[in-house]
Amino acid sequence: MRDPYEDIEIAPSFMMHFVGGIHVIMPTSLPHDVFLYDGQGVLISATAQATGEVIFPFYWLEDWRVVIKRDGAHVYEHRFNPSGQRVLVSIGSS
């Protein structure tokens, strides 16, 4: 009997967080191109052929859009918009 699920390709799940910068975690060893846009759609930064974790050193909260491509094909997009949201701001001090 043939497995009905053997031909299904599972897309990798990308993870993101915004603690100490913009972190994009790719749970695959395949290289991806990662693009960071601001809220106006202007390209701020790009990383080519990245694997593992990409960190963009932007610490302020604004509208961000992260686009991940593989071989020119759009595979993932995340939009971050803190407007009207509760946001935790931690100010450490010794």
C-alpha atoms as a PDB file:
ATOM      1  CA  MET A   1       0.000   0.000   0.000  1.00  0.00           C
ATOM      2  CA  ARG A   2       1.334   3.439  -0.967  1.00  0.00           C
ATOM      3  CA  ASP A   3       1.767   6.136   1.697  1.00  0.00           C
ATOM      4  CA  PRO A   4      -0.606   8.992   0.725  1.00  0.00           C
ATOM      5  CA  TYR A   5       1.601  11.555   2.474  1.00  0.00           C
ATOM      6  CA  GLU A   6       4.977  10.718   0.929  1.00  0.00           C
ATOM      7  CA  ASP A   7       4.759  13.404  -1.788  1.00  0.00           C
ATOM      8  CA  ILE A   8       3.811  16.250   0.553  1.00  0.00           C
ATOM      9  CA  GLU A   9       6.637  18.723   0.984  1.00  0.00           C
ATOM     10  CA  ILE A  10       6.612  20.317   4.436  1.00  0.00           C
ATOM     11  CA  ALA A  11       7.749  23.927   4.463  1.00  0.00           C
ATOM     12  CA  PRO A  12      10.229  24.801   7.200  1.00  0.00           C
ATOM     13  CA  SER A  13       8.806  26.850  10.039  1.00  0.00           C
ATOM     14  CA  PHE A  14      10.753  30.035  10.591  1.00  0.00           C
ATOM     15  CA  MET A  15      10.859  31.638  14.037  1.00  0.00           C
ATOM     16  CA  MET A  16      11.295  35.286  14.959  1.00  0.00           C
ATOM     17  CA  HIS A  17      11.711  37.395  18.053  1.00  0.00           C
ATOM     18  CA  PHE A  18      12.553  41.033  18.724  1.00  0.00           C
ATOM     19  CA  VAL A  19      14.565  40.799  21.951  1.00  0.00           C
ATOM     20  CA  GLY A  20      17.942  42.484  21.489  1.00  0.00           C
ATOM     21  CA  GLY A  21      17.379  43.168  17.797  1.00  0.00           C
ATOM     22  CA  ILE A  22      15.412  41.420  15.085  1.00  0.00           C
ATOM     23  CA  HIS A  23      16.194  37.693  15.163  1.00  0.00           C
ATOM     24  CA  VAL A  24      15.238  35.345  12.329  1.00  0.00           C
ATOM     25  CA  ILE A  25      15.826  31.649  13.099  1.00  0.00           C
ATOM     26  CA  MET A  26      15.840  29.210  10.196  1.00  0.00           C
ATOM     27  CA  PRO A  27      15.534  25.554  11.247  1.00  0.00           C
ATOM     28  CA  THR A  28      16.997  24.312   7.983  1.00  0.00           C
ATOM     29  CA  SER A  29      20.532  24.066   6.653  1.00  0.00           C
ATOM     30  CA  LEU A  30      19.437  25.299   3.211  1.00  0.00           C
ATOM     31  CA  PRO A  31      20.613  28.864   2.493  1.00  0.00           C
ATOM     32  CA  HIS A  32      17.965  31.590   2.287  1.00  0.00           C
ATOM     33  CA  ASP A  33      18.009  35.275   1.405  1.00  0.00           C
ATOM     34  CA  VAL A  34      16.580  37.458   4.197  1.00  0.00           C
ATOM     35  CA  PHE A  35      15.308  40.988   3.550  1.00  0.00           C
ATOM     36  CA  LEU A  36      14.257  43.598   6.124  1.00  0.00           C
ATOM     37  CA  TYR A  37      11.910  46.411   5.092  1.00  0.00           C
ATOM     38  CA  ASP A  38      10.613  49.332   7.119  1.00  0.00           C
ATOM     39  CA  GLY A  39       6.939  50.296   7.362  1.00  0.00           C
ATOM     40  CA  GLN A  40       7.182  52.363   4.158  1.00  0.00           C
ATOM     41  CA  GLY A  41       8.431  49.363   2.139  1.00  0.00           C
ATOM     42  CA  VAL A  42      12.007  50.644   1.922  1.00  0.00           C
ATOM     43  CA  LEU A  43      14.688  47.941   2.008  1.00  0.00           C
ATOM     44  CA  ILE A  44      16.763  48.484   5.160  1.00  0.00           C
ATOM     45  CA  SER A  45      19.036  45.454   5.142  1.00  0.00           C
ATOM     46  CA  ALA A  46      19.557  42.166   3.317  1.00  0.00           C
ATOM     47  CA  THR A  47      21.495  38.994   4.004  1.00  0.00           C
ATOM     48  CA  ALA A  48      22.300  36.588   1.167  1.00  0.00           C
ATOM     49  CA  GLN A  49      22.641  32.810   1.493  1.00  0.00           C
ATOM     50  CA  ALA A  50      22.032  32.780   5.245  1.00  0.00           C
ATOM     51  CA  THR A  51      21.609  29.648   7.370  1.00  0.00           C
ATOM     52  CA  GLY A  52      20.884  29.282  11.082  1.00  0.00           C
ATOM     53  CA  GLU A  53      20.125  32.636  12.694  1.00  0.00           C
ATOM     54  CA  VAL A  54      20.186  36.150  11.251  1.00  0.00           C
ATOM     55  CA  ILE A  55      20.255  39.130  13.609  1.00  0.00           C
ATOM     56  CA  PHE A  56      19.460  42.640  12.423  1.00  0.00           C
ATOM     57  CA  PRO A  57      20.758  45.132  15.042  1.00  0.00           C
ATOM     58  CA  PHE A  58      17.717  47.415  15.143  1.00  0.00           C
ATOM     59  CA  TYR A  59      16.416  47.907  18.679  1.00  0.00           C
ATOM     60  CA  TRP A  60      13.582  50.388  18.190  1.00  0.00           C
ATOM     61  CA  LEU A  61       9.966  49.376  17.693  1.00  0.00           C
ATOM     62  CA  GLU A  62       8.349  50.331  14.435  1.00  0.00           C
ATOM     63  CA  ASP A  63       6.646  48.606  11.532  1.00  0.00           C
ATOM     64  CA  TRP A  64       8.988  45.934  10.178  1.00  0.00           C
ATOM     65  CA  ARG A  65       8.523  43.427   7.382  1.00  0.00           C
ATOM     66  CA  VAL A  66      10.847  40.444   7.068  1.00  0.00           C
ATOM     67  CA  VAL A  67      10.819  38.546   3.771  1.00  0.00           C
ATOM     68  CA  ILE A  68      12.633  35.234   3.274  1.00  0.00           C
ATOM     69  CA  LYS A  69      13.331  33.872  -0.212  1.00  0.00           C
ATOM     70  CA  ARG A  70      14.888  30.655  -1.454  1.00  0.00           C
ATOM     71  CA  ASP A  71      16.226  30.605  -5.031  1.00  0.00           C
ATOM     72  CA  GLY A  72      14.276  33.793  -5.715  1.00  0.00           C
ATOM     73  CA  ALA A  73      10.955  32.290  -4.574  1.00  0.00           C
ATOM     74  CA  HIS A  74       9.066  33.943  -1.711  1.00  0.00           C
ATOM     75  CA  VAL A  75       8.828  31.344   1.107  1.00  0.00           C
ATOM     76  CA  TYR A  76       7.997  33.367   4.240  1.00  0.00           C
ATOM     77  CA  GLU A  77       6.928  36.841   5.328  1.00  0.00           C
ATOM     78  CA  HIS A  78       6.440  38.320   8.789  1.00  0.00           C
ATOM     79  CA  ARG A  79       4.980  41.742   9.524  1.00  0.00           C
ATOM     80  CA  PHE A  80       5.562  43.358  12.902  1.00  0.00           C
ATOM     81  CA  ASN A  81       3.408  46.364  13.792  1.00  0.00           C
ATOM     82  CA  PRO A  82       3.468  47.450  17.456  1.00  0.00           C
ATOM     83  CA  SER A  83       0.859  50.219  16.958  1.00  0.00           C
ATOM     84  CA  GLY A  84      -1.948  49.828  19.490  1.00  0.00           C
ATOM     85  CA  GLN A  85      -0.291  46.747  21.044  1.00  0.00           C
ATOM     86  CA  ARG A  86       1.066  46.187  24.531  1.00  0.00           C
ATOM     87  CA  VAL A  87       4.855  46.058  24.376  1.00  0.00           C
ATOM     88  CA  LEU A  88       7.251  45.069  27.171  1.00  0.00           C
ATOM     89  CA  VAL A  89      10.180  47.444  27.504  1.00  0.00           C
ATOM     90  CA  SER A  90      12.836  46.300  29.959  1.00  0.00           C
ATOM     91  CA  ILE A  91      15.439  48.807  31.115  1.00  0.00           C
ATOM     92  CA  GLY A  92      18.211  47.005  32.916  1.00  0.00           C
ATOM     93  CA  SER A  93      20.418  48.817  35.389  1.00  0.00           C
ATOM     94  CA  SER A  94      23.153  47.849  37.781  1.00  0.00           C
END
